Amino acid sequence: MSGGKKLANTELMRAAVKFMLEAGVDVSGCKSEEDMLMALKGPVERLS
């Protein structure tokens, strides 16, 4: 993406956490980055 304001990493993380909370993503059993990606796939696919 280009043309917009550069977002700070903290802003990106804040948005990601807000999305996960609103989407009801359960990350309690996640122990790796791959686990997190799998936990996020369901809610993201439901939005598509």
C-alpha atoms as a PDB file:
ATOM      1  CA  MET A   1       0.000   0.000   0.000  1.00  0.00           C
ATOM      2  CA  SER A   2       1.198   3.483  -0.643  1.00  0.00           C
ATOM      3  CA  GLY A   3       0.014   7.041  -0.614  1.00  0.00           C
ATOM      4  CA  GLY A   4      -1.147   7.108   2.984  1.00  0.00           C
ATOM      5  CA  LYS A   5       0.351   8.108   6.281  1.00  0.00           C
ATOM      6  CA  LYS A   6       3.005   5.714   7.582  1.00  0.00           C
ATOM      7  CA  LEU A   7       1.618   3.918  10.624  1.00  0.00           C
ATOM      8  CA  ALA A   8       3.780   3.232  13.641  1.00  0.00           C
ATOM      9  CA  ASN A   9       4.207  -0.384  14.748  1.00  0.00           C
ATOM     10  CA  THR A  10       2.320   0.402  17.968  1.00  0.00           C
ATOM     11  CA  GLU A  11      -0.662   1.641  15.955  1.00  0.00           C
ATOM     12  CA  LEU A  12      -0.653  -1.537  13.869  1.00  0.00           C
ATOM     13  CA  MET A  13      -0.466  -3.745  16.957  1.00  0.00           C
ATOM     14  CA  ARG A  14      -3.229  -1.795  18.699  1.00  0.00           C
ATOM     15  CA  ALA A  15      -5.485  -2.272  15.661  1.00  0.00           C
ATOM     16  CA  ALA A  16      -4.655  -5.992  15.472  1.00  0.00           C
ATOM     17  CA  VAL A  17      -5.450  -6.536  19.147  1.00  0.00           C
ATOM     18  CA  LYS A  18      -8.705  -4.578  18.837  1.00  0.00           C
ATOM     19  CA  PHE A  19      -9.693  -6.722  15.831  1.00  0.00           C
ATOM     20  CA  MET A  20      -8.910  -9.934  17.694  1.00  0.00           C
ATOM     21  CA  LEU A  21     -10.969  -8.872  20.718  1.00  0.00           C
ATOM     22  CA  GLU A  22     -13.942  -7.771  18.607  1.00  0.00           C
ATOM     23  CA  ALA A  23     -13.788 -10.918  16.453  1.00  0.00           C
ATOM     24  CA  GLY A  24     -13.611 -13.184  19.505  1.00  0.00           C
ATOM     25  CA  VAL A  25     -10.283 -14.729  18.511  1.00  0.00           C
ATOM     26  CA  ASP A  26      -9.065 -17.142  21.182  1.00  0.00           C
ATOM     27  CA  VAL A  27      -5.279 -17.033  21.382  1.00  0.00           C
ATOM     28  CA  SER A  28      -5.007 -18.582  24.837  1.00  0.00           C
ATOM     29  CA  GLY A  29      -3.449 -21.803  23.487  1.00  0.00           C
ATOM     30  CA  CYS A  30      -1.086 -20.134  21.027  1.00  0.00           C
ATOM     31  CA  LYS A  31       2.561 -20.909  21.561  1.00  0.00           C
ATOM     32  CA  SER A  32       4.014 -19.778  18.236  1.00  0.00           C
ATOM     33  CA  GLU A  33       3.524 -17.369  15.370  1.00  0.00           C
ATOM     34  CA  GLU A  34       2.006 -20.208  13.331  1.00  0.00           C
ATOM     35  CA  ASP A  35      -0.549 -20.859  16.109  1.00  0.00           C
ATOM     36  CA  MET A  36      -1.504 -17.160  16.044  1.00  0.00           C
ATOM     37  CA  LEU A  37      -1.963 -17.220  12.270  1.00  0.00           C
ATOM     38  CA  MET A  38      -4.206 -20.273  12.506  1.00  0.00           C
ATOM     39  CA  ALA A  39      -6.288 -18.636  15.252  1.00  0.00           C
ATOM     40  CA  LEU A  40      -6.762 -15.556  13.055  1.00  0.00           C
ATOM     41  CA  LYS A  41      -7.678 -17.419   9.873  1.00  0.00           C
ATOM     42  CA  GLY A  42     -11.191 -18.390  10.964  1.00  0.00           C
ATOM     43  CA  PRO A  43     -12.477 -14.882  11.772  1.00  0.00           C
ATOM     44  CA  VAL A  44     -10.773 -13.381   8.722  1.00  0.00           C
ATOM     45  CA  GLU A  45     -12.262 -15.998   6.395  1.00  0.00           C
ATOM     46  CA  ARG A  46     -15.731 -15.369   7.888  1.00  0.00           C
ATOM     47  CA  LEU A  47     -15.379 -11.690   6.972  1.00  0.00           C
ATOM     48  CA  SER A  48     -14.631 -12.512   3.323  1.00  0.00           C
END
